[in-house]
PDB file of N, CA and C in Angstrom:
ATOM      1  N   MET A   1    -161.100  47.647  13.480  1.00  0.00           N
ATOM      2  CA  MET A   1    -161.617  46.614  12.613  1.00  0.00           C
ATOM      3  C   MET A   1    -160.659  45.423  12.598  1.00  0.00           C
ATOM      4  N   ARG A   2    -159.429  45.691  12.506  1.00  0.00           N
ATOM      5  CA  ARG A   2    -158.490  44.524  12.500  1.00  0.00           C
ATOM      6  C   ARG A   2    -158.588  43.598  13.619  1.00  0.00           C
ATOM      7  N   THR A   3    -158.724  44.191  14.802  1.00  0.00           N
ATOM      8  CA  THR A   3    -158.842  43.292  15.983  1.00  0.00           C
ATOM      9  C   THR A   3    -160.142  42.533  15.938  1.00  0.00           C
ATOM     10  N   ALA A   4    -161.250  43.124  15.637  1.00  0.00           N
ATOM     11  CA  ALA A   4    -162.540  42.411  15.561  1.00  0.00           C
ATOM     12  C   ALA A   4    -162.409  41.288  14.532  1.00  0.00           C
ATOM     13  N   LEU A   5    -161.860  41.542  13.431  1.00  0.00           N
ATOM     14  CA  LEU A   5    -161.802  40.508  12.359  1.00  0.00           C
ATOM     15  C   LEU A   5    -160.915  39.296  12.866  1.00  0.00           C
ATOM     16  N   VAL A   6    -159.768  39.643  13.342  1.00  0.00           N
ATOM     17  CA  VAL A   6    -158.776  38.570  13.739  1.00  0.00           C
ATOM     18  C   VAL A   6    -159.497  37.720  14.884  1.00  0.00           C
ATOM     19  N   VAL A   7    -160.069  38.405  15.851  1.00  0.00           N
ATOM     20  CA  VAL A   7    -160.708  37.657  16.960  1.00  0.00           C
ATOM     21  C   VAL A   7    -161.777  36.724  16.435  1.00  0.00           C
ATOM     22  N   CYS A   8    -162.641  37.287  15.484  1.00  0.00           N
ATOM     23  CA  CYS A   8    -163.705  36.352  15.002  1.00  0.00           C
ATOM     24  C   CYS A   8    -163.153  35.157  14.273  1.00  0.00           C
ATOM     25  N   VAL A   9    -162.258  35.384  13.349  1.00  0.00           N
ATOM     26  CA  VAL A   9    -161.675  34.281  12.564  1.00  0.00           C
ATOM     27  C   VAL A   9    -160.814  33.392  13.429  1.00  0.00           C
ATOM     28  N   GLY A  10    -160.154  33.906  14.481  1.00  0.00           N
ATOM     29  CA  GLY A  10    -159.354  33.143  15.409  1.00  0.00           C
ATOM     30  C   GLY A  10    -160.191  32.180  16.264  1.00  0.00           C
ATOM     31  N   ARG A  11    -161.453  32.517  16.392  1.00  0.00           N
ATOM     32  CA  ARG A  11    -162.422  31.602  17.092  1.00  0.00           C
ATOM     33  C   ARG A  11    -163.102  30.597  16.182  1.00  0.00           C
ATOM     34  N   LYS A  12    -162.649  30.561  14.977  1.00  0.00           N
ATOM     35  CA  LYS A  12    -163.259  29.742  13.924  1.00  0.00           C
ATOM     36  C   LYS A  12    -164.692  30.129  13.587  1.00  0.00           C
ATOM     37  N   HIS A  13    -165.009  31.384  13.748  1.00  0.00           N
ATOM     38  CA  HIS A  13    -166.242  31.901  13.329  1.00  0.00           C
ATOM     39  C   HIS A  13    -166.207  32.166  11.797  1.00  0.00           C
ATOM     40  N   ALA A  14    -167.255  31.909  11.103  1.00  0.00           N
ATOM     41  CA  ALA A  14    -167.399  32.276   9.699  1.00  0.00           C
ATOM     42  C   ALA A  14    -167.585  33.784   9.796  1.00  0.00           C
ATOM     43  N   VAL A  15    -166.876  34.515   8.875  1.00  0.00           N
ATOM     44  CA  VAL A  15    -166.977  35.947   8.837  1.00  0.00           C
ATOM     45  C   VAL A  15    -167.474  36.447   7.534  1.00  0.00           C
ATOM     46  N   VAL A  16    -168.448  37.275   7.463  1.00  0.00           N
ATOM     47  CA  VAL A  16    -168.914  37.940   6.322  1.00  0.00           C
ATOM     48  C   VAL A  16    -168.683  39.466   6.594  1.00  0.00           C
ATOM     49  N   VAL A  17    -167.880  40.090   5.767  1.00  0.00           N
ATOM     50  CA  VAL A  17    -167.564  41.506   5.915  1.00  0.00           C
ATOM     51  C   VAL A  17    -168.422  42.312   4.938  1.00  0.00           C
ATOM     52  N   ASP A  18    -169.457  43.041   5.428  1.00  0.00           N
ATOM     53  CA  ASP A  18    -170.292  43.882   4.577  1.00  0.00           C
ATOM     54  C   ASP A  18    -169.519  45.148   4.254  1.00  0.00           C
ATOM     55  N   MET A  19    -169.114  45.299   3.048  1.00  0.00           N
ATOM     56  CA  MET A  19    -168.328  46.488   2.643  1.00  0.00           C
ATOM     57  C   MET A  19    -169.092  47.518   1.880  1.00  0.00           C
ATOM     58  N   SER A  20    -170.456  47.459   2.014  1.00  0.00           N
ATOM     59  CA  SER A  20    -171.305  48.424   1.192  1.00  0.00           C
ATOM     60  C   SER A  20    -171.103  49.823   1.553  1.00  0.00           C
ATOM     61  N   ALA A  21    -170.717  50.165   2.791  1.00  0.00           N
ATOM     62  CA  ALA A  21    -170.538  51.510   3.249  1.00  0.00           C
ATOM     63  C   ALA A  21    -169.114  51.977   3.204  1.00  0.00           C
ATOM     64  N   VAL A  22    -168.175  51.097   2.655  1.00  0.00           N
ATOM     65  CA  VAL A  22    -166.767  51.510   2.564  1.00  0.00           C
ATOM     66  C   VAL A  22    -166.531  52.407   1.405  1.00  0.00           C
ATOM     67  N   SER A  23    -166.284  53.644   1.643  1.00  0.00           N
ATOM     68  CA  SER A  23    -166.053  54.597   0.522  1.00  0.00           C
ATOM     69  C   SER A  23    -164.535  54.789   0.240  1.00  0.00           C
ATOM     70  N   TYR A  24    -163.704  54.324   1.209  1.00  0.00           N
ATOM     71  CA  TYR A  24    -162.269  54.512   1.058  1.00  0.00           C
ATOM     72  C   TYR A  24    -161.606  53.406   1.816  1.00  0.00           C
ATOM     73  N   ILE A  25    -160.560  52.695   1.255  1.00  0.00           N
ATOM     74  CA  ILE A  25    -159.785  51.753   2.018  1.00  0.00           C
ATOM     75  C   ILE A  25    -158.389  52.014   1.672  1.00  0.00           C
ATOM     76  N   ASP A  26    -157.495  52.064   2.674  1.00  0.00           N
ATOM     77  CA  ASP A  26    -156.153  52.292   2.481  1.00  0.00           C
ATOM     78  C   ASP A  26    -155.408  50.983   2.655  1.00  0.00           C
ATOM     79  N   SER A  27    -153.965  51.116   2.715  1.00  0.00           N
ATOM     80  CA  SER A  27    -153.223  49.850   2.760  1.00  0.00           C
ATOM     81  C   SER A  27    -153.459  49.150   4.094  1.00  0.00           C
ATOM     82  N   SER A  28    -153.680  49.888   5.171  1.00  0.00           N
ATOM     83  CA  SER A  28    -153.858  49.250   6.491  1.00  0.00           C
ATOM     84  C   SER A  28    -155.123  48.483   6.491  1.00  0.00           C
ATOM     85  N   GLY A  29    -156.176  49.020   5.825  1.00  0.00           N
ATOM     86  CA  GLY A  29    -157.427  48.328   5.785  1.00  0.00           C
ATOM     87  C   GLY A  29    -157.351  47.035   4.859  1.00  0.00           C
ATOM     88  N   VAL A  30    -156.582  47.171   3.777  1.00  0.00           N
ATOM     89  CA  VAL A  30    -156.380  45.956   2.976  1.00  0.00           C
ATOM     90  C   VAL A  30    -155.595  44.910   3.712  1.00  0.00           C
ATOM     91  N   ALA A  31    -154.466  45.373   4.484  1.00  0.00           N
ATOM     92  CA  ALA A  31    -153.719  44.408   5.248  1.00  0.00           C
ATOM     93  C   ALA A  31    -154.520  43.790   6.301  1.00  0.00           C
ATOM     94  N   SER A  32    -155.498  44.505   6.950  1.00  0.00           N
ATOM     95  CA  SER A  32    -156.344  43.833   7.951  1.00  0.00           C
ATOM     96  C   SER A  32    -157.238  42.755   7.307  1.00  0.00           C
ATOM     97  N   LEU A  33    -157.725  43.039   6.132  1.00  0.00           N
ATOM     98  CA  LEU A  33    -158.522  41.938   5.443  1.00  0.00           C
ATOM     99  C   LEU A  33    -157.696  40.724   5.102  1.00  0.00           C
ATOM    100  N   VAL A  34    -156.485  41.066   4.519  1.00  0.00           N
ATOM    101  CA  VAL A  34    -155.593  39.964   4.258  1.00  0.00           C
ATOM    102  C   VAL A  34    -155.183  39.138   5.395  1.00  0.00           C
ATOM    103  N   GLU A  35    -154.948  39.779   6.521  1.00  0.00           N
ATOM    104  CA  GLU A  35    -154.481  39.058   7.737  1.00  0.00           C
ATOM    105  C   GLU A  35    -155.680  38.170   8.195  1.00  0.00           C
ATOM    106  N   ALA A  36    -156.882  38.695   8.243  1.00  0.00           N
ATOM    107  CA  ALA A  36    -158.031  37.981   8.645  1.00  0.00           C
ATOM    108  C   ALA A  36    -158.286  36.788   7.791  1.00  0.00           C
ATOM    109  N   PHE A  37    -158.122  37.086   6.399  1.00  0.00           N
ATOM    110  CA  PHE A  37    -158.349  35.971   5.413  1.00  0.00           C
ATOM    111  C   PHE A  37    -157.320  34.789   5.692  1.00  0.00           C
ATOM    112  N   GLN A  38    -156.137  35.180   5.922  1.00  0.00           N
ATOM    113  CA  GLN A  38    -155.065  34.210   6.115  1.00  0.00           C
ATOM    114  C   GLN A  38    -155.357  33.367   7.382  1.00  0.00           C
ATOM    115  N   VAL A  39    -155.759  33.952   8.428  1.00  0.00           N
ATOM    116  CA  VAL A  39    -156.090  33.285   9.645  1.00  0.00           C
ATOM    117  C   VAL A  39    -157.347  32.352   9.432  1.00  0.00           C
ATOM    118  N   ALA A  40    -158.321  32.850   8.687  1.00  0.00           N
ATOM    119  CA  ALA A  40    -159.484  32.045   8.411  1.00  0.00           C
ATOM    120  C   ALA A  40    -159.159  30.842   7.571  1.00  0.00           C
ATOM    121  N   ARG A  41    -158.233  31.031   6.596  1.00  0.00           N
ATOM    122  CA  ARG A  41    -157.852  29.957   5.709  1.00  0.00           C
ATOM    123  C   ARG A  41    -157.094  28.898   6.484  1.00  0.00           C
ATOM    124  N   LYS A  42    -156.230  29.297   7.375  1.00  0.00           N
ATOM    125  CA  LYS A  42    -155.481  28.406   8.225  1.00  0.00           C
ATOM    126  C   LYS A  42    -156.377  27.573   9.149  1.00  0.00           C
ATOM    127  N   ARG A  43    -157.490  28.205   9.660  1.00  0.00           N
ATOM    128  CA  ARG A  43    -158.368  27.534  10.571  1.00  0.00           C
ATOM    129  C   ARG A  43    -159.570  26.870   9.740  1.00  0.00           C
ATOM    130  N   LYS A  44    -159.517  26.983   8.445  1.00  0.00           N
ATOM    131  CA  LYS A  44    -160.544  26.375   7.577  1.00  0.00           C
ATOM    132  C   LYS A  44    -161.935  27.003   7.870  1.00  0.00           C
ATOM    133  N   SER A  45    -161.942  28.282   8.028  1.00  0.00           N
ATOM    134  CA  SER A  45    -163.208  29.076   8.327  1.00  0.00           C
ATOM    135  C   SER A  45    -163.536  29.817   7.123  1.00  0.00           C
ATOM    136  N   LEU A  46    -164.822  30.141   7.055  1.00  0.00           N
ATOM    137  CA  LEU A  46    -165.353  30.874   5.809  1.00  0.00           C
ATOM    138  C   LEU A  46    -164.973  32.396   6.075  1.00  0.00           C
ATOM    139  N   PHE A  47    -164.534  33.081   5.061  1.00  0.00           N
ATOM    140  CA  PHE A  47    -164.193  34.477   5.078  1.00  0.00           C
ATOM    141  C   PHE A  47    -164.664  35.093   3.792  1.00  0.00           C
ATOM    142  N   VAL A  48    -165.781  35.898   3.792  1.00  0.00           N
ATOM    143  CA  VAL A  48    -166.264  36.423   2.530  1.00  0.00           C
ATOM    144  C   VAL A  48    -166.483  37.929   2.629  1.00  0.00           C
ATOM    145  N   LEU A  49    -166.194  38.618   1.584  1.00  0.00           N
ATOM    146  CA  LEU A  49    -166.460  40.016   1.419  1.00  0.00           C
ATOM    147  C   LEU A  49    -167.770  40.130   0.667  1.00  0.00           C
ATOM    148  N   ALA A  50    -168.733  40.858   1.205  1.00  0.00           N
ATOM    149  CA  ALA A  50    -170.048  41.095   0.644  1.00  0.00           C
ATOM    150  C   ALA A  50    -170.333  42.567   0.257  1.00  0.00           C
ATOM    151  N   GLN A  51    -170.959  42.721  -0.802  1.00  0.00           N
ATOM    152  CA  GLN A  51    -171.485  44.004  -1.273  1.00  0.00           C
ATOM    153  C   GLN A  51    -170.272  45.113  -1.250  1.00  0.00           C
ATOM    154  N   VAL A  52    -169.201  44.728  -1.883  1.00  0.00           N
ATOM    155  CA  VAL A  52    -167.970  45.585  -1.915  1.00  0.00           C
ATOM    156  C   VAL A  52    -168.354  46.826  -2.751  1.00  0.00           C
ATOM    157  N   SER A  53    -168.142  47.967  -2.154  1.00  0.00           N
ATOM    158  CA  SER A  53    -168.345  49.228  -2.902  1.00  0.00           C
ATOM    159  C   SER A  53    -167.423  49.341  -4.051  1.00  0.00           C
ATOM    160  N   ASP A  54    -167.811  50.155  -5.072  1.00  0.00           N
ATOM    161  CA  ASP A  54    -166.955  50.358  -6.256  1.00  0.00           C
ATOM    162  C   ASP A  54    -165.581  50.829  -5.893  1.00  0.00           C
ATOM    163  N   ALA A  55    -165.509  51.809  -4.941  1.00  0.00           N
ATOM    164  CA  ALA A  55    -164.256  52.361  -4.596  1.00  0.00           C
ATOM    165  C   ALA A  55    -163.305  51.279  -3.902  1.00  0.00           C
ATOM    166  N   ALA A  56    -163.884  50.500  -3.054  1.00  0.00           N
ATOM    167  CA  ALA A  56    -163.082  49.437  -2.376  1.00  0.00           C
ATOM    168  C   ALA A  56    -162.682  48.362  -3.389  1.00  0.00           C
ATOM    169  N   LEU A  57    -163.615  48.010  -4.282  1.00  0.00           N
ATOM    170  CA  LEU A  57    -163.334  46.991  -5.297  1.00  0.00           C
ATOM    171  C   LEU A  57    -162.213  47.463  -6.175  1.00  0.00           C
ATOM    172  N   ARG A  58    -162.112  48.669  -6.556  1.00  0.00           N
ATOM    173  CA  ARG A  58    -161.042  49.227  -7.457  1.00  0.00           C
ATOM    174  C   ARG A  58    -159.693  48.973  -6.681  1.00  0.00           C
ATOM    175  N   VAL A  59    -159.584  49.237  -5.445  1.00  0.00           N
ATOM    176  CA  VAL A  59    -158.403  49.061  -4.629  1.00  0.00           C
ATOM    177  C   VAL A  59    -157.989  47.482  -4.679  1.00  0.00           C
ATOM    178  N   LEU A  60    -158.971  46.667  -4.358  1.00  0.00           N
ATOM    179  CA  LEU A  60    -158.764  45.241  -4.360  1.00  0.00           C
ATOM    180  C   LEU A  60    -158.332  44.780  -5.795  1.00  0.00           C
ATOM    181  N   GLU A  61    -158.894  45.270  -6.774  1.00  0.00           N
ATOM    182  CA  GLU A  61    -158.545  44.890  -8.150  1.00  0.00           C
ATOM    183  C   GLU A  61    -157.058  45.212  -8.499  1.00  0.00           C
ATOM    184  N   LEU A  62    -156.740  46.541  -8.094  1.00  0.00           N
ATOM    185  CA  LEU A  62    -155.311  46.941  -8.307  1.00  0.00           C
ATOM    186  C   LEU A  62    -154.328  46.008  -7.639  1.00  0.00           C
ATOM    187  N   ALA A  63    -154.674  45.597  -6.436  1.00  0.00           N
ATOM    188  CA  ALA A  63    -153.733  44.619  -5.671  1.00  0.00           C
ATOM    189  C   ALA A  63    -154.030  43.120  -6.079  1.00  0.00           C
ATOM    190  N   ARG A  64    -154.891  42.965  -7.120  1.00  0.00           N
ATOM    191  CA  ARG A  64    -155.275  41.682  -7.568  1.00  0.00           C
ATOM    192  C   ARG A  64    -155.840  40.752  -6.491  1.00  0.00           C
ATOM    193  N   LEU A  65    -156.375  41.302  -5.439  1.00  0.00           N
ATOM    194  CA  LEU A  65    -156.987  40.614  -4.328  1.00  0.00           C
ATOM    195  C   LEU A  65    -158.380  40.222  -4.631  1.00  0.00           C
ATOM    196  N   ASP A  66    -158.997  40.806  -5.646  1.00  0.00           N
ATOM    197  CA  ASP A  66    -160.332  40.281  -6.068  1.00  0.00           C
ATOM    198  C   ASP A  66    -160.291  38.869  -6.527  1.00  0.00           C
ATOM    199  N   LYS A  67    -159.091  38.334  -6.898  1.00  0.00           N
ATOM    200  CA  LYS A  67    -158.898  36.945  -7.255  1.00  0.00           C
ATOM    201  C   LYS A  67    -158.705  36.035  -6.059  1.00  0.00           C
ATOM    202  N   VAL A  68    -158.349  36.674  -4.953  1.00  0.00           N
ATOM    203  CA  VAL A  68    -157.960  35.923  -3.700  1.00  0.00           C
ATOM    204  C   VAL A  68    -159.200  35.793  -2.858  1.00  0.00           C
ATOM    205  N   PHE A  69    -159.802  36.924  -2.588  1.00  0.00           N
ATOM    206  CA  PHE A  69    -160.999  36.875  -1.695  1.00  0.00           C
ATOM    207  C   PHE A  69    -162.249  36.322  -2.390  1.00  0.00           C
ATOM    208  N   THR A  70    -163.155  35.678  -1.592  1.00  0.00           N
ATOM    209  CA  THR A  70    -164.420  35.346  -2.094  1.00  0.00           C
ATOM    210  C   THR A  70    -165.322  36.595  -1.892  1.00  0.00           C
ATOM    211  N   ILE A  71    -165.787  37.127  -3.036  1.00  0.00           N
ATOM    212  CA  ILE A  71    -166.609  38.336  -3.019  1.00  0.00           C
ATOM    213  C   ILE A  71    -167.950  38.023  -3.567  1.00  0.00           C
ATOM    214  N   VAL A  72    -169.000  38.370  -2.918  1.00  0.00           N
ATOM    215  CA  VAL A  72    -170.346  38.145  -3.305  1.00  0.00           C
ATOM    216  C   VAL A  72    -171.059  39.419  -3.340  1.00  0.00           C
ATOM    217  N   SER A  73    -172.213  39.456  -4.053  1.00  0.00           N
ATOM    218  CA  SER A  73    -172.863  40.687  -4.335  1.00  0.00           C
ATOM    219  C   SER A  73    -173.616  41.230  -3.116  1.00  0.00           C
ATOM    220  N   ASN A  74    -174.131  40.358  -2.216  1.00  0.00           N
ATOM    221  CA  ASN A  74    -174.822  40.798  -1.048  1.00  0.00           C
ATOM    222  C   ASN A  74    -174.619  39.839   0.135  1.00  0.00           C
ATOM    223  N   VAL A  75    -175.023  40.339   1.332  1.00  0.00           N
ATOM    224  CA  VAL A  75    -174.803  39.545   2.555  1.00  0.00           C
ATOM    225  C   VAL A  75    -175.601  38.286   2.527  1.00  0.00           C
ATOM    226  N   GLU A  76    -176.817  38.346   2.007  1.00  0.00           N
ATOM    227  CA  GLU A  76    -177.670  37.172   1.934  1.00  0.00           C
ATOM    228  C   GLU A  76    -177.015  36.049   1.157  1.00  0.00           C
ATOM    229  N   ASP A  77    -176.385  36.330   0.025  1.00  0.00           N
ATOM    230  CA  ASP A  77    -175.627  35.358  -0.818  1.00  0.00           C
ATOM    231  C   ASP A  77    -174.516  34.717   0.093  1.00  0.00           C
ATOM    232  N   ALA A  78    -173.817  35.540   0.776  1.00  0.00           N
ATOM    233  CA  ALA A  78    -172.770  35.003   1.691  1.00  0.00           C
ATOM    234  C   ALA A  78    -173.297  34.099   2.718  1.00  0.00           C
ATOM    235  N   LEU A  79    -174.428  34.456   3.328  1.00  0.00           N
ATOM    236  CA  LEU A  79    -175.012  33.637   4.414  1.00  0.00           C
ATOM    237  C   LEU A  79    -175.573  32.299   3.873  1.00  0.00           C
ATOM    238  N   SER A  80    -175.884  32.227   2.628  1.00  0.00           N
ATOM    239  CA  SER A  80    -176.449  31.019   2.114  1.00  0.00           C
ATOM    240  C   SER A  80    -175.325  29.924   2.001  1.00  0.00           C
ATOM    241  N   ASP A  81    -174.067  30.241   2.070  1.00  0.00           N
ATOM    242  CA  ASP A  81    -172.977  29.347   2.074  1.00  0.00           C
ATOM    243  C   ASP A  81    -172.802  28.582   3.385  1.00  0.00           C
ATOM    244  N   PHE A  82    -173.518  29.054   4.492  1.00  0.00           N
ATOM    245  CA  PHE A  82    -173.335  28.346   5.847  1.00  0.00           C
ATOM    246  C   PHE A  82    -174.047  27.069   5.807  1.00  0.00           C
TER     247      PHE A  82
END
């Protein structure tokens, strides 16, 4: 996942990460999201988390990353930003 995210944002692609099926995320998963977010921000590209599961959202909230990432309720909302 990390490689795919970094490659996409590295090419200045807008990235929407559908997290609806994520039932568990550990520190390496969080680090991958943060790294991709930082690359996207540096390249002025859109990076959005969509449909974040309750389990993943709890982890992001504990790390206070819910205030850093753009989080939308569904993929369609994220795509409307294009």
